Amino acid sequence: LARLKSIGINTVSVKIPKSSEEEIKNIFHSSNQTKWAYHYEQA
């Protein structure tokens, strides 16, 4: 995380569920399992 912040590129972490392929694909269409690890504008 410290290295990511030093680079200054927006970074998200996405929790991949233990579920079907379709459900795994669908997580990229929702922000429920996605968190900002680093966001330049916010920081």
PDB file of all heavy atoms in Angstrom:
ATOM      1  N   LEU A   1       0.826  -1.200   0.000  1.00  0.00           N
ATOM      2  CA  LEU A   1       0.000   0.000   0.000  1.00  0.00           C
ATOM      3  C   LEU A   1       0.865   1.257   0.000  1.00  0.00           C
ATOM      4  O   LEU A   1       0.586   2.204  -0.736  1.00  0.00           O
ATOM      5  CB  LEU A   1      -0.940  -0.002   1.207  1.00  0.00           C
ATOM      6  CG  LEU A   1      -1.927   1.164   1.292  1.00  0.00           C
ATOM      7  CD1 LEU A   1      -2.799   1.237   0.043  1.00  0.00           C
ATOM      8  CD2 LEU A   1      -2.785   1.030   2.532  1.00  0.00           C
ATOM      9  N   ALA A   2       1.936   1.261   0.773  1.00  0.00           N
ATOM     10  CA  ALA A   2       2.847   2.414   0.791  1.00  0.00           C
ATOM     11  C   ALA A   2       3.481   2.621  -0.577  1.00  0.00           C
ATOM     12  O   ALA A   2       3.613   3.758  -1.047  1.00  0.00           O
ATOM     13  CB  ALA A   2       3.922   2.212   1.857  1.00  0.00           C
ATOM     14  N   ARG A   3       3.840   1.540  -1.242  1.00  0.00           N
ATOM     15  CA  ARG A   3       4.432   1.654  -2.582  1.00  0.00           C
ATOM     16  C   ARG A   3       3.411   2.168  -3.595  1.00  0.00           C
ATOM     17  O   ARG A   3       3.734   2.969  -4.464  1.00  0.00           O
ATOM     18  CB  ARG A   3       4.992   0.308  -3.026  1.00  0.00           C
ATOM     19  CG  ARG A   3       6.225  -0.099  -2.256  1.00  0.00           C
ATOM     20  CD  ARG A   3       6.697  -1.467  -2.678  1.00  0.00           C
ATOM     21  NE  ARG A   3       7.873  -1.864  -1.918  1.00  0.00           N
ATOM     22  CZ  ARG A   3       8.862  -2.579  -2.413  1.00  0.00           C
ATOM     23  NH1 ARG A   3       8.812  -2.987  -3.672  1.00  0.00           N
ATOM     24  NH2 ARG A   3       9.878  -2.910  -1.671  1.00  0.00           N
ATOM     25  N   LEU A   4       2.171   1.685  -3.481  1.00  0.00           N
ATOM     26  CA  LEU A   4       1.109   2.163  -4.376  1.00  0.00           C
ATOM     27  C   LEU A   4       0.893   3.661  -4.202  1.00  0.00           C
ATOM     28  O   LEU A   4       0.749   4.393  -5.179  1.00  0.00           O
ATOM     29  CB  LEU A   4      -0.191   1.399  -4.103  1.00  0.00           C
ATOM     30  CG  LEU A   4      -0.217  -0.056  -4.548  1.00  0.00           C
ATOM     31  CD1 LEU A   4      -1.397  -0.783  -3.930  1.00  0.00           C
ATOM     32  CD2 LEU A   4      -0.233  -0.171  -6.057  1.00  0.00           C
ATOM     33  N   LYS A   5       0.884   4.115  -2.962  1.00  0.00           N
ATOM     34  CA  LYS A   5       0.705   5.543  -2.693  1.00  0.00           C
ATOM     35  C   LYS A   5       1.858   6.356  -3.269  1.00  0.00           C
ATOM     36  O   LYS A   5       1.658   7.455  -3.784  1.00  0.00           O
ATOM     37  CB  LYS A   5       0.584   5.784  -1.189  1.00  0.00           C
ATOM     38  CG  LYS A   5      -0.729   5.317  -0.621  1.00  0.00           C
ATOM     39  CD  LYS A   5      -0.792   5.541   0.880  1.00  0.00           C
ATOM     40  CE  LYS A   5      -2.111   5.066   1.443  1.00  0.00           C
ATOM     41  NZ  LYS A   5      -2.202   5.272   2.896  1.00  0.00           N
ATOM     42  N   SER A   6       3.072   5.820  -3.204  1.00  0.00           N
ATOM     43  CA  SER A   6       4.227   6.560  -3.729  1.00  0.00           C
ATOM     44  C   SER A   6       4.166   6.685  -5.253  1.00  0.00           C
ATOM     45  O   SER A   6       4.669   7.649  -5.814  1.00  0.00           O
ATOM     46  CB  SER A   6       5.539   5.907  -3.295  1.00  0.00           C
ATOM     47  OG  SER A   6       5.760   4.701  -3.995  1.00  0.00           O
ATOM     48  N   ILE A   7       3.545   5.727  -5.917  1.00  0.00           N
ATOM     49  CA  ILE A   7       3.408   5.781  -7.376  1.00  0.00           C
ATOM     50  C   ILE A   7       2.335   6.799  -7.768  1.00  0.00           C
ATOM     51  O   ILE A   7       2.483   7.517  -8.746  1.00  0.00           O
ATOM     52  CB  ILE A   7       3.058   4.388  -7.941  1.00  0.00           C
ATOM     53  CG1 ILE A   7       4.204   3.414  -7.662  1.00  0.00           C
ATOM     54  CG2 ILE A   7       2.769   4.455  -9.437  1.00  0.00           C
ATOM     55  CD1 ILE A   7       3.851   1.971  -7.941  1.00  0.00           C
ATOM     56  N   GLY A   8       1.255   6.864  -6.997  1.00  0.00           N
ATOM     57  CA  GLY A   8       0.209   7.852  -7.260  1.00  0.00           C
ATOM     58  C   GLY A   8      -0.806   7.455  -8.303  1.00  0.00           C
ATOM     59  O   GLY A   8      -1.494   8.299  -8.862  1.00  0.00           O
ATOM     60  N   ILE A   9      -0.953   6.154  -8.575  1.00  0.00           N
ATOM     61  CA  ILE A   9      -1.955   5.669  -9.532  1.00  0.00           C
ATOM     62  C   ILE A   9      -3.150   5.144  -8.740  1.00  0.00           C
ATOM     63  O   ILE A   9      -2.983   4.377  -7.786  1.00  0.00           O
ATOM     64  CB  ILE A   9      -1.388   4.532 -10.421  1.00  0.00           C
ATOM     65  CG1 ILE A   9      -0.167   4.989 -11.194  1.00  0.00           C
ATOM     66  CG2 ILE A   9      -2.469   3.979 -11.364  1.00  0.00           C
ATOM     67  CD1 ILE A   9      -0.411   5.983 -12.286  1.00  0.00           C
ATOM     68  N   ASN A  10      -4.349   5.552  -9.129  1.00  0.00           N
ATOM     69  CA  ASN A  10      -5.543   5.052  -8.453  1.00  0.00           C
ATOM     70  C   ASN A  10      -5.536   3.532  -8.421  1.00  0.00           C
ATOM     71  O   ASN A  10      -5.217   2.884  -9.436  1.00  0.00           O
ATOM     72  CB  ASN A  10      -6.806   5.543  -9.159  1.00  0.00           C
ATOM     73  CG  ASN A  10      -7.023   7.020  -8.982  1.00  0.00           C
ATOM     74  OD1 ASN A  10      -6.465   7.649  -8.094  1.00  0.00           O
ATOM     75  ND2 ASN A  10      -7.849   7.593  -9.843  1.00  0.00           N
ATOM     76  N   THR A  11      -5.899   2.977  -7.252  1.00  0.00           N
ATOM     77  CA  THR A  11      -5.852   1.532  -7.057  1.00  0.00           C
ATOM     78  C   THR A  11      -7.092   1.074  -6.306  1.00  0.00           C
ATOM     79  O   THR A  11      -7.462   1.672  -5.300  1.00  0.00           O
ATOM     80  CB  THR A  11      -4.605   1.133  -6.243  1.00  0.00           C
ATOM     81  OG1 THR A  11      -3.440   1.619  -6.901  1.00  0.00           O
ATOM     82  CG2 THR A  11      -4.503  -0.379  -6.095  1.00  0.00           C
ATOM     83  N   VAL A  12      -7.711   0.007  -6.812  1.00  0.00           N
ATOM     84  CA  VAL A  12      -8.830  -0.616  -6.107  1.00  0.00           C
ATOM     85  C   VAL A  12      -8.486  -2.058  -5.780  1.00  0.00           C
ATOM     86  O   VAL A  12      -7.681  -2.693  -6.473  1.00  0.00           O
ATOM     87  CB  VAL A  12     -10.156  -0.577  -6.919  1.00  0.00           C
ATOM     88  CG1 VAL A  12     -10.667   0.838  -7.068  1.00  0.00           C
ATOM     89  CG2 VAL A  12     -10.016  -1.256  -8.267  1.00  0.00           C
ATOM     90  N   SER A  13      -9.101  -2.554  -4.711  1.00  0.00           N
ATOM     91  CA  SER A  13      -9.022  -3.980  -4.407  1.00  0.00           C
ATOM     92  C   SER A  13     -10.426  -4.543  -4.583  1.00  0.00           C
ATOM     93  O   SER A  13     -11.416  -3.894  -4.224  1.00  0.00           O
ATOM     94  CB  SER A  13      -8.500  -4.217  -2.991  1.00  0.00           C
ATOM     95  OG  SER A  13      -9.387  -3.701  -2.035  1.00  0.00           O
ATOM     96  N   VAL A  14     -10.496  -5.730  -5.174  1.00  0.00           N
ATOM     97  CA  VAL A  14     -11.781  -6.370  -5.448  1.00  0.00           C
ATOM     98  C   VAL A  14     -11.774  -7.737  -4.791  1.00  0.00           C
ATOM     99  O   VAL A  14     -10.898  -8.569  -5.070  1.00  0.00           O
ATOM    100  CB  VAL A  14     -12.023  -6.534  -6.963  1.00  0.00           C
ATOM    101  CG1 VAL A  14     -13.392  -7.162  -7.218  1.00  0.00           C
ATOM    102  CG2 VAL A  14     -11.897  -5.210  -7.692  1.00  0.00           C
ATOM    103  N   LYS A  15     -12.731  -7.972  -3.910  1.00  0.00           N
ATOM    104  CA  LYS A  15     -12.854  -9.268  -3.250  1.00  0.00           C
ATOM    105  C   LYS A  15     -13.559 -10.229  -4.202  1.00  0.00           C
ATOM    106  O   LYS A  15     -14.694 -10.003  -4.612  1.00  0.00           O
ATOM    107  CB  LYS A  15     -13.632  -9.134  -1.947  1.00  0.00           C
ATOM    108  CG  LYS A  15     -13.670 -10.410  -1.165  1.00  0.00           C
ATOM    109  CD  LYS A  15     -14.337 -10.223   0.173  1.00  0.00           C
ATOM    110  CE  LYS A  15     -14.332 -11.547   0.919  1.00  0.00           C
ATOM    111  NZ  LYS A  15     -15.110 -11.455   2.157  1.00  0.00           N
ATOM    112  N   ILE A  16     -12.854 -11.293  -4.558  1.00  0.00           N
ATOM    113  CA  ILE A  16     -13.391 -12.296  -5.479  1.00  0.00           C
ATOM    114  C   ILE A  16     -14.173 -13.326  -4.665  1.00  0.00           C
ATOM    115  O   ILE A  16     -13.606 -13.990  -3.797  1.00  0.00           O
ATOM    116  CB  ILE A  16     -12.263 -13.004  -6.266  1.00  0.00           C
ATOM    117  CG1 ILE A  16     -11.396 -11.987  -7.010  1.00  0.00           C
ATOM    118  CG2 ILE A  16     -12.833 -14.050  -7.212  1.00  0.00           C
ATOM    119  CD1 ILE A  16     -12.093 -11.251  -8.100  1.00  0.00           C
ATOM    120  N   PRO A  17     -15.472 -13.485  -4.943  1.00  0.00           N
ATOM    121  CA  PRO A  17     -16.283 -14.413  -4.144  1.00  0.00           C
ATOM    122  C   PRO A  17     -16.029 -15.872  -4.503  1.00  0.00           C
ATOM    123  O   PRO A  17     -15.541 -16.184  -5.587  1.00  0.00           O
ATOM    124  CB  PRO A  17     -17.717 -14.009  -4.505  1.00  0.00           C
ATOM    125  CG  PRO A  17     -17.612 -13.466  -5.890  1.00  0.00           C
ATOM    126  CD  PRO A  17     -16.258 -12.792  -5.960  1.00  0.00           C
ATOM    127  N   LYS A  18     -16.377 -16.744  -3.581  1.00  0.00           N
ATOM    128  CA  LYS A  18     -16.327 -18.188  -3.824  1.00  0.00           C
ATOM    129  C   LYS A  18     -17.681 -18.589  -4.382  1.00  0.00           C
ATOM    130  O   LYS A  18     -18.520 -19.140  -3.682  1.00  0.00           O
ATOM    131  CB  LYS A  18     -16.049 -18.945  -2.529  1.00  0.00           C
ATOM    132  CG  LYS A  18     -14.681 -18.735  -1.960  1.00  0.00           C
ATOM    133  CD  LYS A  18     -14.504 -19.530  -0.679  1.00  0.00           C
ATOM    134  CE  LYS A  18     -13.134 -19.300  -0.088  1.00  0.00           C
ATOM    135  NZ  LYS A  18     -12.944 -20.012   1.169  1.00  0.00           N
ATOM    136  N   SER A  19     -17.913 -18.279  -5.638  1.00  0.00           N
ATOM    137  CA  SER A  19     -19.194 -18.580  -6.256  1.00  0.00           C
ATOM    138  C   SER A  19     -19.020 -18.922  -7.725  1.00  0.00           C
ATOM    139  O   SER A  19     -17.907 -19.167  -8.173  1.00  0.00           O
ATOM    140  CB  SER A  19     -20.177 -17.417  -6.070  1.00  0.00           C
ATOM    141  OG  SER A  19     -19.551 -16.193  -6.029  1.00  0.00           O
ATOM    142  N   SER A  20     -20.096 -18.893  -8.454  1.00  0.00           N
ATOM    143  CA  SER A  20     -20.069 -19.306  -9.854  1.00  0.00           C
ATOM    144  C   SER A  20     -19.292 -18.313 -10.713  1.00  0.00           C
ATOM    145  O   SER A  20     -19.064 -17.169 -10.312  1.00  0.00           O
ATOM    146  CB  SER A  20     -21.500 -19.422 -10.386  1.00  0.00           C
ATOM    147  OG  SER A  20     -22.077 -18.134 -10.492  1.00  0.00           O
ATOM    148  N   GLU A  21     -18.921 -18.749 -11.901  1.00  0.00           N
ATOM    149  CA  GLU A  21     -18.222 -17.876 -12.849  1.00  0.00           C
ATOM    150  C   GLU A  21     -19.055 -16.631 -13.149  1.00  0.00           C
ATOM    151  O   GLU A  21     -18.522 -15.524 -13.232  1.00  0.00           O
ATOM    152  CB  GLU A  21     -17.911 -18.628 -14.144  1.00  0.00           C
ATOM    153  CG  GLU A  21     -16.845 -19.675 -13.986  1.00  0.00           C
ATOM    154  CD  GLU A  21     -16.456 -20.334 -15.293  1.00  0.00           C
ATOM    155  OE1 GLU A  21     -16.801 -19.811 -16.376  1.00  0.00           O
ATOM    156  OE2 GLU A  21     -15.791 -21.377 -15.231  1.00  0.00           O
ATOM    157  N   GLU A  22     -20.354 -16.805 -13.314  1.00  0.00           N
ATOM    158  CA  GLU A  22     -21.240 -15.675 -13.625  1.00  0.00           C
ATOM    159  C   GLU A  22     -21.241 -14.654 -12.490  1.00  0.00           C
ATOM    160  O   GLU A  22     -21.174 -13.456 -12.725  1.00  0.00           O
ATOM    161  CB  GLU A  22     -22.668 -16.185 -13.893  1.00  0.00           C
ATOM    162  CG  GLU A  22     -23.593 -15.113 -14.417  1.00  0.00           C
ATOM    163  CD  GLU A  22     -23.188 -14.582 -15.788  1.00  0.00           C
ATOM    164  OE1 GLU A  22     -22.593 -15.319 -16.585  1.00  0.00           O
ATOM    165  OE2 GLU A  22     -23.478 -13.396 -16.044  1.00  0.00           O
ATOM    166  N   GLU A  23     -21.283 -15.136 -11.255  1.00  0.00           N
ATOM    167  CA  GLU A  23     -21.274 -14.218 -10.116  1.00  0.00           C
ATOM    168  C   GLU A  23     -19.928 -13.506  -9.992  1.00  0.00           C
ATOM    169  O   GLU A  23     -19.873 -12.334  -9.625  1.00  0.00           O
ATOM    170  CB  GLU A  23     -21.616 -14.966  -8.829  1.00  0.00           C
ATOM    171  CG  GLU A  23     -23.084 -15.341  -8.746  1.00  0.00           C
ATOM    172  CD  GLU A  23     -23.424 -16.083  -7.474  1.00  0.00           C
ATOM    173  OE1 GLU A  23     -22.947 -15.690  -6.395  1.00  0.00           O
ATOM    174  OE2 GLU A  23     -24.176 -17.071  -7.569  1.00  0.00           O
ATOM    175  N   ILE A  24     -18.854 -14.210 -10.304  1.00  0.00           N
ATOM    176  CA  ILE A  24     -17.534 -13.576 -10.277  1.00  0.00           C
ATOM    177  C   ILE A  24     -17.475 -12.487 -11.340  1.00  0.00           C
ATOM    178  O   ILE A  24     -16.997 -11.380 -11.085  1.00  0.00           O
ATOM    179  CB  ILE A  24     -16.408 -14.625 -10.465  1.00  0.00           C
ATOM    180  CG1 ILE A  24     -16.340 -15.530  -9.225  1.00  0.00           C
ATOM    181  CG2 ILE A  24     -15.066 -13.948 -10.723  1.00  0.00           C
ATOM    182  CD1 ILE A  24     -15.406 -16.715  -9.361  1.00  0.00           C
ATOM    183  N   LYS A  25     -17.999 -12.757 -12.526  1.00  0.00           N
ATOM    184  CA  LYS A  25     -17.998 -11.753 -13.597  1.00  0.00           C
ATOM    185  C   LYS A  25     -18.844 -10.536 -13.207  1.00  0.00           C
ATOM    186  O   LYS A  25     -18.482  -9.400 -13.498  1.00  0.00           O
ATOM    187  CB  LYS A  25     -18.519 -12.373 -14.888  1.00  0.00           C
ATOM    188  CG  LYS A  25     -18.389 -11.474 -16.095  1.00  0.00           C
ATOM    189  CD  LYS A  25     -18.776 -12.205 -17.361  1.00  0.00           C
ATOM    190  CE  LYS A  25     -18.489 -11.394 -18.581  1.00  0.00           C
ATOM    191  NZ  LYS A  25     -18.759 -12.141 -19.824  1.00  0.00           N
ATOM    192  N   ASN A  26     -19.947 -10.785 -12.530  1.00  0.00           N
ATOM    193  CA  ASN A  26     -20.865  -9.698 -12.173  1.00  0.00           C
ATOM    194  C   ASN A  26     -20.301  -8.751 -11.121  1.00  0.00           C
ATOM    195  O   ASN A  26     -20.780  -7.620 -11.019  1.00  0.00           O
ATOM    196  CB  ASN A  26     -22.202 -10.266 -11.712  1.00  0.00           C
ATOM    197  CG  ASN A  26     -23.031 -10.801 -12.864  1.00  0.00           C
ATOM    198  OD1 ASN A  26     -22.828 -10.407 -14.008  1.00  0.00           O
ATOM    199  ND2 ASN A  26     -23.932 -11.711 -12.569  1.00  0.00           N
ATOM    200  N   ILE A  27     -19.294  -9.173 -10.348  1.00  0.00           N
ATOM    201  CA  ILE A  27     -18.773  -8.267  -9.315  1.00  0.00           C
ATOM    202  C   ILE A  27     -18.121  -7.033  -9.931  1.00  0.00           C
ATOM    203  O   ILE A  27     -18.016  -6.006  -9.263  1.00  0.00           O
ATOM    204  CB  ILE A  27     -17.781  -8.947  -8.343  1.00  0.00           C
ATOM    205  CG1 ILE A  27     -16.536  -9.409  -9.068  1.00  0.00           C
ATOM    206  CG2 ILE A  27     -18.443 -10.047  -7.560  1.00  0.00           C
ATOM    207  CD1 ILE A  27     -15.404  -9.770  -8.144  1.00  0.00           C
ATOM    208  N   PHE A  28     -17.714  -7.105 -11.180  1.00  0.00           N
ATOM    209  CA  PHE A  28     -17.079  -5.962 -11.838  1.00  0.00           C
ATOM    210  C   PHE A  28     -18.105  -4.934 -12.330  1.00  0.00           C
ATOM    211  O   PHE A  28     -17.742  -3.856 -12.768  1.00  0.00           O
ATOM    212  CB  PHE A  28     -16.170  -6.432 -12.968  1.00  0.00           C
ATOM    213  CG  PHE A  28     -15.112  -7.385 -12.486  1.00  0.00           C
ATOM    214  CD1 PHE A  28     -15.081  -8.699 -12.890  1.00  0.00           C
ATOM    215  CD2 PHE A  28     -14.147  -6.957 -11.575  1.00  0.00           C
ATOM    216  CE1 PHE A  28     -14.118  -9.570 -12.421  1.00  0.00           C
ATOM    217  CE2 PHE A  28     -13.178  -7.825 -11.097  1.00  0.00           C
ATOM    218  CZ  PHE A  28     -13.164  -9.135 -11.520  1.00  0.00           C
ATOM    219  N   HIS A  29     -19.414  -5.291 -12.236  1.00  0.00           N
ATOM    220  CA  HIS A  29     -20.501  -4.376 -12.601  1.00  0.00           C
ATOM    221  C   HIS A  29     -21.139  -3.737 -11.366  1.00  0.00           C
ATOM    222  O   HIS A  29     -22.125  -3.025 -11.474  1.00  0.00           O
ATOM    223  CB  HIS A  29     -21.575  -5.106 -13.407  1.00  0.00           C
ATOM    224  CG  HIS A  29     -21.081  -5.590 -14.731  1.00  0.00           C
ATOM    225  ND1 HIS A  29     -20.787  -4.734 -15.771  1.00  0.00           N
ATOM    226  CD2 HIS A  29     -20.795  -6.838 -15.177  1.00  0.00           C
ATOM    227  CE1 HIS A  29     -20.368  -5.439 -16.804  1.00  0.00           C
ATOM    228  NE2 HIS A  29     -20.355  -6.703 -16.468  1.00  0.00           N
ATOM    229  N   SER A  30     -20.589  -4.028 -10.206  1.00  0.00           N
ATOM    230  CA  SER A  30     -21.089  -3.479  -8.946  1.00  0.00           C
ATOM    231  C   SER A  30     -19.885  -3.051  -8.120  1.00  0.00           C
ATOM    232  O   SER A  30     -18.817  -3.649  -8.215  1.00  0.00           O
ATOM    233  CB  SER A  30     -21.873  -4.562  -8.199  1.00  0.00           C
ATOM    234  OG  SER A  30     -22.105  -4.169  -6.869  1.00  0.00           O
ATOM    235  N   SER A  31     -20.058  -2.050  -7.306  1.00  0.00           N
ATOM    236  CA  SER A  31     -18.941  -1.613  -6.470  1.00  0.00           C
ATOM    237  C   SER A  31     -19.013  -2.195  -5.057  1.00  0.00           C
ATOM    238  O   SER A  31     -18.246  -1.813  -4.189  1.00  0.00           O
ATOM    239  CB  SER A  31     -18.886  -0.079  -6.419  1.00  0.00           C
ATOM    240  OG  SER A  31     -20.071   0.430  -5.845  1.00  0.00           O
ATOM    241  N   ASN A  32     -19.926  -3.150  -4.837  1.00  0.00           N
ATOM    242  CA  ASN A  32     -20.112  -3.723  -3.495  1.00  0.00           C
ATOM    243  C   ASN A  32     -18.884  -4.456  -2.972  1.00  0.00           C
ATOM    244  O   ASN A  32     -18.629  -4.441  -1.768  1.00  0.00           O
ATOM    245  CB  ASN A  32     -21.315  -4.666  -3.476  1.00  0.00           C
ATOM    246  CG  ASN A  32     -22.613  -3.930  -3.680  1.00  0.00           C
ATOM    247  OD1 ASN A  32     -22.687  -2.716  -3.505  1.00  0.00           O
ATOM    248  ND2 ASN A  32     -23.653  -4.644  -4.067  1.00  0.00           N
ATOM    249  N   GLN A  33     -18.146  -5.116  -3.832  1.00  0.00           N
ATOM    250  CA  GLN A  33     -16.974  -5.891  -3.408  1.00  0.00           C
ATOM    251  C   GLN A  33     -15.666  -5.163  -3.721  1.00  0.00           C
ATOM    252  O   GLN A  33     -14.592  -5.744  -3.634  1.00  0.00           O
ATOM    253  CB  GLN A  33     -16.975  -7.272  -4.081  1.00  0.00           C
ATOM    254  CG  GLN A  33     -18.153  -8.138  -3.711  1.00  0.00           C
ATOM    255  CD  GLN A  33     -18.155  -8.500  -2.238  1.00  0.00           C
ATOM    256  OE1 GLN A  33     -17.122  -8.760  -1.636  1.00  0.00           O
ATOM    257  NE2 GLN A  33     -19.333  -8.495  -1.635  1.00  0.00           N
ATOM    258  N   THR A  34     -15.775  -3.901  -4.119  1.00  0.00           N
ATOM    259  CA  THR A  34     -14.619  -3.119  -4.544  1.00  0.00           C
ATOM    260  C   THR A  34     -14.378  -1.987  -3.553  1.00  0.00           C
ATOM    261  O   THR A  34     -15.314  -1.307  -3.143  1.00  0.00           O
ATOM    262  CB  THR A  34     -14.851  -2.541  -5.952  1.00  0.00           C
ATOM    263  OG1 THR A  34     -15.175  -3.614  -6.832  1.00  0.00           O
ATOM    264  CG2 THR A  34     -13.636  -1.806  -6.466  1.00  0.00           C
ATOM    265  N   LYS A  35     -13.109  -1.793  -3.176  1.00  0.00           N
ATOM    266  CA  LYS A  35     -12.736  -0.712  -2.258  1.00  0.00           C
ATOM    267  C   LYS A  35     -11.546   0.042  -2.830  1.00  0.00           C
ATOM    268  O   LYS A  35     -10.693  -0.540  -3.502  1.00  0.00           O
ATOM    269  CB  LYS A  35     -12.347  -1.273  -0.885  1.00  0.00           C
ATOM    270  CG  LYS A  35     -13.489  -1.911  -0.159  1.00  0.00           C
ATOM    271  CD  LYS A  35     -13.077  -2.364   1.218  1.00  0.00           C
ATOM    272  CE  LYS A  35     -14.282  -2.998   1.888  1.00  0.00           C
ATOM    273  NZ  LYS A  35     -14.011  -3.412   3.230  1.00  0.00           N
ATOM    274  N   TRP A  36     -11.493   1.340  -2.540  1.00  0.00           N
ATOM    275  CA  TRP A  36     -10.324   2.118  -2.917  1.00  0.00           C
ATOM    276  C   TRP A  36      -9.180   1.761  -1.981  1.00  0.00           C
ATOM    277  O   TRP A  36      -9.306   1.901  -0.770  1.00  0.00           O
ATOM    278  CB  TRP A  36     -10.602   3.618  -2.833  1.00  0.00           C
ATOM    279  CG  TRP A  36     -11.475   4.131  -3.926  1.00  0.00           C
ATOM    280  CD1 TRP A  36     -12.767   4.546  -3.823  1.00  0.00           C
ATOM    281  CD2 TRP A  36     -11.116   4.276  -5.303  1.00  0.00           C
ATOM    282  NE1 TRP A  36     -13.237   4.936  -5.041  1.00  0.00           N
ATOM    283  CE2 TRP A  36     -12.235   4.791  -5.976  1.00  0.00           C
ATOM    284  CE3 TRP A  36      -9.956   4.019  -6.035  1.00  0.00           C
ATOM    285  CZ2 TRP A  36     -12.237   5.044  -7.335  1.00  0.00           C
ATOM    286  CZ3 TRP A  36      -9.961   4.282  -7.394  1.00  0.00           C
ATOM    287  CH2 TRP A  36     -11.088   4.785  -8.028  1.00  0.00           C
ATOM    288  N   ALA A  37      -8.083   1.308  -2.527  1.00  0.00           N
ATOM    289  CA  ALA A  37      -6.863   1.134  -1.740  1.00  0.00           C
ATOM    290  C   ALA A  37      -6.127   2.470  -1.724  1.00  0.00           C
ATOM    291  O   ALA A  37      -5.557   2.872  -0.715  1.00  0.00           O
ATOM    292  CB  ALA A  37      -5.983   0.048  -2.349  1.00  0.00           C
ATOM    293  N   TYR A  38      -6.171   3.153  -2.869  1.00  0.00           N
ATOM    294  CA  TYR A  38      -5.575   4.479  -2.995  1.00  0.00           C
ATOM    295  C   TYR A  38      -6.341   5.235  -4.072  1.00  0.00           C
ATOM    296  O   TYR A  38      -6.621   4.693  -5.137  1.00  0.00           O
ATOM    297  CB  TYR A  38      -4.093   4.393  -3.385  1.00  0.00           C
ATOM    298  CG  TYR A  38      -3.493   5.749  -3.672  1.00  0.00           C
ATOM    299  CD1 TYR A  38      -3.129   6.592  -2.635  1.00  0.00           C
ATOM    300  CD2 TYR A  38      -3.350   6.198  -4.978  1.00  0.00           C
ATOM    301  CE1 TYR A  38      -2.615   7.865  -2.892  1.00  0.00           C
ATOM    302  CE2 TYR A  38      -2.833   7.457  -5.243  1.00  0.00           C
ATOM    303  CZ  TYR A  38      -2.471   8.284  -4.200  1.00  0.00           C
ATOM    304  OH  TYR A  38      -1.967   9.531  -4.454  1.00  0.00           O
ATOM    305  N   HIS A  39      -6.687   6.488  -3.773  1.00  0.00           N
ATOM    306  CA  HIS A  39      -7.351   7.341  -4.747  1.00  0.00           C
ATOM    307  C   HIS A  39      -6.647   8.689  -4.731  1.00  0.00           C
ATOM    308  O   HIS A  39      -6.678   9.405  -3.732  1.00  0.00           O
ATOM    309  CB  HIS A  39      -8.835   7.507  -4.408  1.00  0.00           C
ATOM    310  CG  HIS A  39      -9.601   8.166  -5.497  1.00  0.00           C
ATOM    311  ND1 HIS A  39      -9.598   9.530  -5.679  1.00  0.00           N
ATOM    312  CD2 HIS A  39     -10.376   7.658  -6.487  1.00  0.00           C
ATOM    313  CE1 HIS A  39     -10.348   9.832  -6.723  1.00  0.00           C
ATOM    314  NE2 HIS A  39     -10.838   8.710  -7.225  1.00  0.00           N
ATOM    315  N   TYR A  40      -6.006   9.035  -5.832  1.00  0.00           N
ATOM    316  CA  TYR A  40      -5.172  10.233  -5.898  1.00  0.00           C
ATOM    317  C   TYR A  40      -5.948  11.496  -5.523  1.00  0.00           C
ATOM    318  O   TYR A  40      -5.494  12.292  -4.707  1.00  0.00           O
ATOM    319  CB  TYR A  40      -4.565  10.381  -7.295  1.00  0.00           C
ATOM    320  CG  TYR A  40      -3.759  11.646  -7.433  1.00  0.00           C
ATOM    321  CD1 TYR A  40      -2.462  11.711  -6.940  1.00  0.00           C
ATOM    322  CD2 TYR A  40      -4.296  12.784  -8.022  1.00  0.00           C
ATOM    323  CE1 TYR A  40      -1.718  12.879  -7.033  1.00  0.00           C
ATOM    324  CE2 TYR A  40      -3.567  13.954  -8.123  1.00  0.00           C
ATOM    325  CZ  TYR A  40      -2.273  13.994  -7.626  1.00  0.00           C
ATOM    326  OH  TYR A  40      -1.547  15.154  -7.702  1.00  0.00           O
ATOM    327  N   GLU A  41      -7.114  11.698  -6.124  1.00  0.00           N
ATOM    328  CA  GLU A  41      -7.874  12.924  -5.885  1.00  0.00           C
ATOM    329  C   GLU A  41      -8.313  13.032  -4.425  1.00  0.00           C
ATOM    330  O   GLU A  41      -8.236  14.097  -3.816  1.00  0.00           O
ATOM    331  CB  GLU A  41      -9.080  12.987  -6.808  1.00  0.00           C
ATOM    332  CG  GLU A  41      -9.801  14.318  -6.748  1.00  0.00           C
ATOM    333  CD  GLU A  41     -10.947  14.403  -7.754  1.00  0.00           C
ATOM    334  OE1 GLU A  41     -11.283  13.396  -8.398  1.00  0.00           O
ATOM    335  OE2 GLU A  41     -11.492  15.495  -7.879  1.00  0.00           O
ATOM    336  N   GLN A  42      -8.747  11.918  -3.861  1.00  0.00           N
ATOM    337  CA  GLN A  42      -9.170  11.940  -2.469  1.00  0.00           C
ATOM    338  C   GLN A  42      -7.973  12.163  -1.541  1.00  0.00           C
ATOM    339  O   GLN A  42      -8.057  12.924  -0.586  1.00  0.00           O
ATOM    340  CB  GLN A  42      -9.875  10.637  -2.118  1.00  0.00           C
ATOM    341  CG  GLN A  42     -10.547  10.657  -0.762  1.00  0.00           C
ATOM    342  CD  GLN A  42     -11.335   9.401  -0.497  1.00  0.00           C
ATOM    343  OE1 GLN A  42     -10.981   8.334  -0.975  1.00  0.00           O
ATOM    344  NE2 GLN A  42     -12.397   9.523   0.265  1.00  0.00           N
ATOM    345  N   ALA A  43      -6.853  11.549  -1.855  1.00  0.00           N
ATOM    346  CA  ALA A  43      -5.662  11.690  -1.022  1.00  0.00           C
ATOM    347  C   ALA A  43      -5.079  13.098  -1.095  1.00  0.00           C
ATOM    348  O   ALA A  43      -4.507  13.586  -0.118  1.00  0.00           O
ATOM    349  CB  ALA A  43      -4.606  10.669  -1.439  1.00  0.00           C
TER     350      ALA A  43
END
